[in-house]
Amino acid sequence: MAAKIKKGDKVVVLAGRDKGRSGEVLQVIPAEGRAVVRGVNLVKRHTRQTAQTEGGIISKEATIDLSNLAIADPKDGKASRVGFKVLDDGRKVRVAKRSGEMIDG
């Protein structure tokens, strides 16, 4: 099955603590059905100091379930479902169901 949400997509959070917030997908983990979104689902980690990193309490993004994410419509930024369309030149592209707008160039 083709991926409906990919790295670099703008998404809207549908459920949970960060409901309504939006951000860019930094990483998708298809095997687990989860994604990491910039600025969403922040957790605090107490880390020990190493040669590379400073110690202390660090905020970082935790993964969020793909079912709690929706693509942001390219036209108005609201949550939209994803459909697929085959263009005349044979390319398969993702389309926002809300406006019919193409998601990937």
N, C-alpha and C. Protein backbone atom coordinates (compact mmCIF):
# COMPACT_ATOMS: atom_id res chain seq x y z
N MET A 1 0.84 -1.19 0.00
CA MET A 1 0.00 0.00 0.00
C MET A 1 0.88 1.25 0.00
N ALA A 2 0.47 2.23 -0.76
CA ALA A 2 1.24 3.48 -0.81
C ALA A 2 1.07 4.25 0.50
N ALA A 3 2.11 4.95 0.90
CA ALA A 3 2.06 5.68 2.17
C ALA A 3 1.21 6.93 2.04
N LYS A 4 0.32 7.13 2.99
CA LYS A 4 -0.52 8.31 2.97
C LYS A 4 0.16 9.50 3.64
N ILE A 5 1.03 9.21 4.62
CA ILE A 5 1.78 10.27 5.29
C ILE A 5 3.27 9.98 5.11
N LYS A 6 4.01 10.98 4.64
CA LYS A 6 5.43 10.82 4.37
C LYS A 6 6.24 11.89 5.10
N LYS A 7 7.54 11.67 5.18
CA LYS A 7 8.46 12.63 5.78
C LYS A 7 8.35 13.96 5.03
N GLY A 8 8.28 15.04 5.78
CA GLY A 8 8.21 16.37 5.16
C GLY A 8 6.79 16.90 4.99
N ASP A 9 5.78 16.05 5.19
CA ASP A 9 4.38 16.48 5.07
C ASP A 9 3.98 17.39 6.22
N LYS A 10 3.06 18.30 5.93
CA LYS A 10 2.44 19.11 6.99
C LYS A 10 1.21 18.33 7.46
N VAL A 11 1.13 18.08 8.77
CA VAL A 11 0.02 17.30 9.31
C VAL A 11 -0.66 18.03 10.46
N VAL A 12 -1.91 17.61 10.74
CA VAL A 12 -2.70 18.15 11.84
C VAL A 12 -2.96 17.01 12.81
N VAL A 13 -2.83 17.26 14.12
CA VAL A 13 -3.09 16.23 15.13
C VAL A 13 -4.59 16.20 15.41
N LEU A 14 -5.19 15.00 15.33
CA LEU A 14 -6.64 14.84 15.49
C LEU A 14 -7.05 14.49 16.91
N ALA A 15 -6.16 13.87 17.67
CA ALA A 15 -6.54 13.39 19.00
C ALA A 15 -5.37 13.46 19.96
N GLY A 16 -5.68 13.51 21.24
CA GLY A 16 -4.64 13.49 22.26
C GLY A 16 -4.35 14.86 22.82
N ARG A 17 -3.28 14.94 23.60
CA ARG A 17 -2.90 16.15 24.32
C ARG A 17 -2.66 17.33 23.37
N ASP A 18 -2.15 17.05 22.17
CA ASP A 18 -1.81 18.12 21.22
C ASP A 18 -2.85 18.30 20.12
N LYS A 19 -4.09 17.89 20.37
CA LYS A 19 -5.16 17.98 19.37
C LYS A 19 -5.26 19.39 18.80
N GLY A 20 -5.32 19.48 17.48
CA GLY A 20 -5.46 20.78 16.81
C GLY A 20 -4.14 21.39 16.39
N ARG A 21 -3.03 20.92 16.97
CA ARG A 21 -1.73 21.47 16.59
C ARG A 21 -1.27 20.87 15.28
N SER A 22 -0.39 21.58 14.60
CA SER A 22 0.11 21.05 13.34
C SER A 22 1.63 21.18 13.31
N GLY A 23 2.23 20.41 12.44
CA GLY A 23 3.68 20.43 12.33
C GLY A 23 4.14 19.61 11.15
N GLU A 24 5.44 19.55 10.97
CA GLU A 24 6.04 18.82 9.85
C GLU A 24 6.49 17.45 10.33
N VAL A 25 6.26 16.45 9.51
CA VAL A 25 6.67 15.09 9.84
C VAL A 25 8.18 14.98 9.67
N LEU A 26 8.88 14.60 10.76
CA LEU A 26 10.33 14.46 10.72
C LEU A 26 10.75 13.04 10.37
N GLN A 27 9.93 12.07 10.78
CA GLN A 27 10.27 10.66 10.57
C GLN A 27 8.99 9.83 10.61
N VAL A 28 8.91 8.82 9.75
CA VAL A 28 7.78 7.88 9.78
C VAL A 28 8.34 6.49 10.04
N ILE A 29 7.69 5.75 10.95
CA ILE A 29 8.09 4.38 11.25
C ILE A 29 6.94 3.46 10.83
N PRO A 30 6.91 3.03 9.57
CA PRO A 30 5.77 2.26 9.04
C PRO A 30 5.54 0.94 9.78
N ALA A 31 6.61 0.29 10.22
CA ALA A 31 6.47 -1.00 10.90
C ALA A 31 5.66 -0.86 12.19
N GLU A 32 5.79 0.28 12.86
CA GLU A 32 5.08 0.51 14.11
C GLU A 32 3.82 1.36 13.92
N GLY A 33 3.65 1.92 12.72
CA GLY A 33 2.50 2.78 12.45
C GLY A 33 2.57 4.08 13.22
N ARG A 34 3.77 4.62 13.35
CA ARG A 34 3.96 5.84 14.13
C ARG A 34 4.80 6.86 13.37
N ALA A 35 4.75 8.11 13.82
CA ALA A 35 5.53 9.17 13.19
C ALA A 35 6.01 10.15 14.25
N VAL A 36 7.08 10.88 13.92
CA VAL A 36 7.59 11.94 14.78
C VAL A 36 7.26 13.26 14.08
N VAL A 37 6.58 14.16 14.81
CA VAL A 37 6.16 15.44 14.23
C VAL A 37 6.81 16.57 15.01
N ARG A 38 7.37 17.54 14.28
CA ARG A 38 8.08 18.66 14.92
C ARG A 38 7.13 19.46 15.83
N GLY A 39 7.54 19.62 17.10
CA GLY A 39 6.79 20.44 18.05
C GLY A 39 5.54 19.79 18.63
N VAL A 40 5.33 18.51 18.35
CA VAL A 40 4.12 17.81 18.83
C VAL A 40 4.53 16.62 19.69
N ASN A 41 3.75 16.34 20.74
CA ASN A 41 3.98 15.22 21.65
C ASN A 41 5.37 15.32 22.29
N LEU A 42 5.66 16.50 22.85
CA LEU A 42 6.96 16.72 23.49
C LEU A 42 7.01 16.01 24.84
N VAL A 43 8.13 15.34 25.10
CA VAL A 43 8.35 14.68 26.38
C VAL A 43 9.67 15.18 26.95
N LYS A 44 9.79 15.15 28.27
CA LYS A 44 11.01 15.59 28.94
C LYS A 44 11.86 14.36 29.22
N ARG A 45 13.13 14.45 28.90
CA ARG A 45 14.06 13.35 29.15
C ARG A 45 15.17 13.85 30.07
N HIS A 46 15.43 13.14 31.15
CA HIS A 46 16.53 13.49 32.04
C HIS A 46 17.77 12.77 31.50
N THR A 47 18.73 13.51 31.02
CA THR A 47 19.89 12.88 30.39
C THR A 47 21.17 13.19 31.15
N ARG A 48 22.06 12.22 31.12
CA ARG A 48 23.36 12.36 31.75
C ARG A 48 24.28 13.09 30.77
N GLN A 49 25.22 13.84 31.31
CA GLN A 49 26.15 14.57 30.46
C GLN A 49 27.14 13.62 29.80
N THR A 50 27.38 13.83 28.51
CA THR A 50 28.39 13.05 27.79
C THR A 50 29.34 14.03 27.11
N ALA A 51 30.31 13.50 26.40
CA ALA A 51 31.27 14.36 25.70
C ALA A 51 30.57 15.19 24.62
N GLN A 52 29.52 14.62 24.02
CA GLN A 52 28.82 15.32 22.93
C GLN A 52 27.67 16.20 23.43
N THR A 53 26.93 15.72 24.44
CA THR A 53 25.74 16.46 24.85
C THR A 53 25.84 16.96 26.29
N GLU A 54 25.14 18.04 26.53
CA GLU A 54 25.08 18.59 27.88
C GLU A 54 24.00 17.82 28.64
N GLY A 55 24.18 17.64 29.93
CA GLY A 55 23.20 16.93 30.72
C GLY A 55 22.03 17.83 31.08
N GLY A 56 21.05 17.27 31.77
CA GLY A 56 19.91 18.06 32.22
C GLY A 56 18.61 17.51 31.66
N ILE A 57 17.57 18.33 31.74
CA ILE A 57 16.26 17.91 31.26
C ILE A 57 16.08 18.44 29.85
N ILE A 58 15.92 17.52 28.92
CA ILE A 58 15.81 17.87 27.50
C ILE A 58 14.42 17.54 27.00
N SER A 59 13.81 18.48 26.26
CA SER A 59 12.50 18.22 25.63
C SER A 59 12.75 17.67 24.24
N LYS A 60 12.09 16.57 23.91
CA LYS A 60 12.20 16.05 22.55
C LYS A 60 10.87 15.48 22.12
N GLU A 61 10.71 15.33 20.81
CA GLU A 61 9.45 14.82 20.27
C GLU A 61 9.39 13.31 20.41
N ALA A 62 8.28 12.81 20.92
CA ALA A 62 8.05 11.37 20.97
C ALA A 62 7.20 11.00 19.77
N THR A 63 7.12 9.70 19.47
CA THR A 63 6.31 9.28 18.32
C THR A 63 4.84 9.42 18.64
N ILE A 64 4.04 9.57 17.59
CA ILE A 64 2.59 9.68 17.72
C ILE A 64 1.98 8.72 16.71
N ASP A 65 0.87 8.09 17.05
CA ASP A 65 0.26 7.10 16.17
C ASP A 65 -0.25 7.76 14.89
N LEU A 66 -0.05 7.09 13.76
CA LEU A 66 -0.49 7.64 12.48
C LEU A 66 -2.00 7.87 12.42
N SER A 67 -2.76 7.07 13.21
CA SER A 67 -4.21 7.22 13.19
C SER A 67 -4.65 8.55 13.82
N ASN A 68 -3.76 9.18 14.57
CA ASN A 68 -4.08 10.46 15.20
C ASN A 68 -3.61 11.65 14.37
N LEU A 69 -3.14 11.39 13.15
CA LEU A 69 -2.65 12.45 12.27
C LEU A 69 -3.47 12.50 10.99
N ALA A 70 -3.60 13.70 10.44
CA ALA A 70 -4.23 13.87 9.13
C ALA A 70 -3.41 14.88 8.35
N ILE A 71 -3.35 14.70 7.06
CA ILE A 71 -2.64 15.64 6.19
C ILE A 71 -3.32 17.00 6.25
N ALA A 72 -2.53 18.08 6.30
CA ALA A 72 -3.08 19.43 6.24
C ALA A 72 -3.34 19.75 4.78
N ASP A 73 -4.58 20.16 4.47
CA ASP A 73 -4.95 20.50 3.09
C ASP A 73 -4.05 21.62 2.58
N PRO A 74 -3.44 21.46 1.39
CA PRO A 74 -2.54 22.50 0.87
C PRO A 74 -3.24 23.85 0.67
N LYS A 75 -4.56 23.85 0.47
CA LYS A 75 -5.29 25.10 0.24
C LYS A 75 -5.52 25.89 1.51
N ASP A 76 -6.11 25.24 2.55
CA ASP A 76 -6.48 26.01 3.75
C ASP A 76 -5.84 25.52 5.05
N GLY A 77 -5.02 24.46 5.00
CA GLY A 77 -4.32 24.00 6.19
C GLY A 77 -5.16 23.19 7.16
N LYS A 78 -6.43 22.91 6.80
CA LYS A 78 -7.27 22.10 7.68
C LYS A 78 -7.05 20.62 7.39
N ALA A 79 -7.45 19.78 8.35
CA ALA A 79 -7.24 18.34 8.21
C ALA A 79 -8.02 17.78 7.02
N SER A 80 -7.38 16.88 6.28
CA SER A 80 -8.01 16.28 5.11
C SER A 80 -7.60 14.82 5.01
N ARG A 81 -8.50 14.02 4.43
CA ARG A 81 -8.12 12.64 4.16
C ARG A 81 -7.33 12.61 2.86
N VAL A 82 -6.67 11.48 2.60
CA VAL A 82 -5.79 11.37 1.44
C VAL A 82 -6.36 10.37 0.45
N GLY A 83 -6.39 10.76 -0.82
CA GLY A 83 -6.79 9.85 -1.88
C GLY A 83 -5.64 9.75 -2.87
N PHE A 84 -5.78 8.86 -3.83
CA PHE A 84 -4.74 8.68 -4.83
C PHE A 84 -5.34 8.87 -6.21
N LYS A 85 -4.51 9.37 -7.14
CA LYS A 85 -4.97 9.63 -8.49
C LYS A 85 -3.82 9.33 -9.43
N VAL A 86 -4.11 8.68 -10.53
CA VAL A 86 -3.07 8.40 -11.53
C VAL A 86 -3.17 9.46 -12.61
N LEU A 87 -2.08 10.19 -12.82
CA LEU A 87 -2.06 11.26 -13.82
C LEU A 87 -1.93 10.67 -15.23
N ASP A 88 -2.11 11.53 -16.22
CA ASP A 88 -2.03 11.10 -17.63
C ASP A 88 -0.67 10.50 -17.97
N ASP A 89 0.40 11.02 -17.32
CA ASP A 89 1.74 10.50 -17.62
C ASP A 89 2.07 9.24 -16.83
N GLY A 90 1.08 8.70 -16.10
CA GLY A 90 1.27 7.44 -15.40
C GLY A 90 1.74 7.55 -13.97
N ARG A 91 2.01 8.78 -13.49
CA ARG A 91 2.45 8.96 -12.11
C ARG A 91 1.26 8.83 -11.16
N LYS A 92 1.50 8.21 -10.00
CA LYS A 92 0.46 8.09 -8.97
C LYS A 92 0.74 9.15 -7.92
N VAL A 93 -0.21 10.06 -7.72
CA VAL A 93 0.00 11.16 -6.77
C VAL A 93 -1.06 11.14 -5.67
N ARG A 94 -0.69 11.74 -4.53
CA ARG A 94 -1.64 11.86 -3.43
C ARG A 94 -2.48 13.12 -3.64
N VAL A 95 -3.75 13.01 -3.28
CA VAL A 95 -4.69 14.12 -3.46
C VAL A 95 -5.43 14.34 -2.15
N ALA A 96 -5.61 15.61 -1.76
CA ALA A 96 -6.39 15.94 -0.57
C ALA A 96 -7.88 15.79 -0.92
N LYS A 97 -8.61 14.97 -0.18
CA LYS A 97 -10.02 14.73 -0.46
C LYS A 97 -10.84 16.00 -0.23
N ARG A 98 -10.41 16.83 0.70
CA ARG A 98 -11.16 18.02 1.07
C ARG A 98 -11.29 19.02 -0.09
N SER A 99 -10.17 19.28 -0.78
CA SER A 99 -10.19 20.30 -1.85
C SER A 99 -9.91 19.71 -3.23
N GLY A 100 -9.41 18.47 -3.28
CA GLY A 100 -9.02 17.89 -4.57
C GLY A 100 -7.64 18.33 -5.01
N GLU A 101 -6.97 19.10 -4.17
CA GLU A 101 -5.64 19.63 -4.48
C GLU A 101 -4.58 18.52 -4.41
N MET A 102 -3.58 18.57 -5.29
CA MET A 102 -2.50 17.60 -5.26
C MET A 102 -1.57 17.88 -4.08
N ILE A 103 -1.14 16.82 -3.37
CA ILE A 103 -0.25 16.99 -2.22
C ILE A 103 1.20 16.96 -2.66
N ASP A 104 1.59 15.94 -3.43
CA ASP A 104 2.98 15.91 -3.90
C ASP A 104 3.06 16.39 -5.34
N GLY A 105 4.01 17.31 -5.56
CA GLY A 105 4.20 17.99 -6.83
C GLY A 105 4.14 17.11 -7.97
